[in-house]
Amino acid sequence: FPSLSWSDDVFLAAQTERYVDLICSENDVFAAIYDREIRGYNLSGGLIMNQQTGSYRPETIFTHGNYLLVEMELVGNDDHFIFVYQRQTRVLLRQLDIPMDVVSICQLQNDEVLLFGNDGGDAKVLHYDIGDNAYWQPRQLPEGKLMNAVSMEGPRFAIAHENGLYAYTYSPNFLNLIRPGVVYQQLCFDVDRGTILGASENKLDEVSPIGQLLNTVVHSDSITSIDIHYTR
């Protein structure tokens, strides 16, 4: 049976949603906290990062190699920024303002990532080069809100959109609506099976990369996040 190894009660009486984002990477856990703080823990629960973010509220976290990327919103404004930290030393390396609210950050190649988000309520994707601290827009996405995005195999990505589920290939630059009309609030890619898991309210679907529905599980409550635990 599972047992609790460690926990950290950051808030004794939280009145609002406090953990905005949480990511597990290798032997570390990083959390974006609503009250303008980034925390990092090792597998034993030891605090390895406690970064106050001042006027910025951290929202989306991503790690790659020696980098820790955090998308933040300027409090009291609608301006968004990417902050890049050195993962081991936690030193801030650079920051850049971006023209959208980032929902997901996905690895593309080497030190390059794709930023998926919304600008004025419409979906947008940006190609961000971490080393050059520069971005560009590789293509336009359909009008409507983007909910989530995940990496698949190679330069391929699954995008949850209010129009349905899209499959996006970066090169050649191709976007295909593979499951129209189904709105997923969360996505996860099963590397072992090569399939997409999508949560739509209280329903969990397993979908092939071409949009074929493979399995469905209905839960009694809404699904807020998905993670895959491999036992072998």
Foldseek 3Di string as FASTA:
>chain_A
DDDDQDDDCPDPDDPDDFFQDWDDDDQKIWTFTQQQWIWMAGVNRHTPGTDGRPQWGWHDWDDDDQWIWTWTARPPDRKIKIWIAGNNVRHTDDMDTDQFDFQDWEDADDQKIKTWGDHPFFIFIWIARPVVRDIDGLDGDDGGGWQDKYDAPHQWIWTFTCQAIWIAHSVVGDIDRQGGPQGFNEWDADNVVRWIWGFGFQKIFTAHSNGHTDDMDGDPGGDDYDDDDDPD
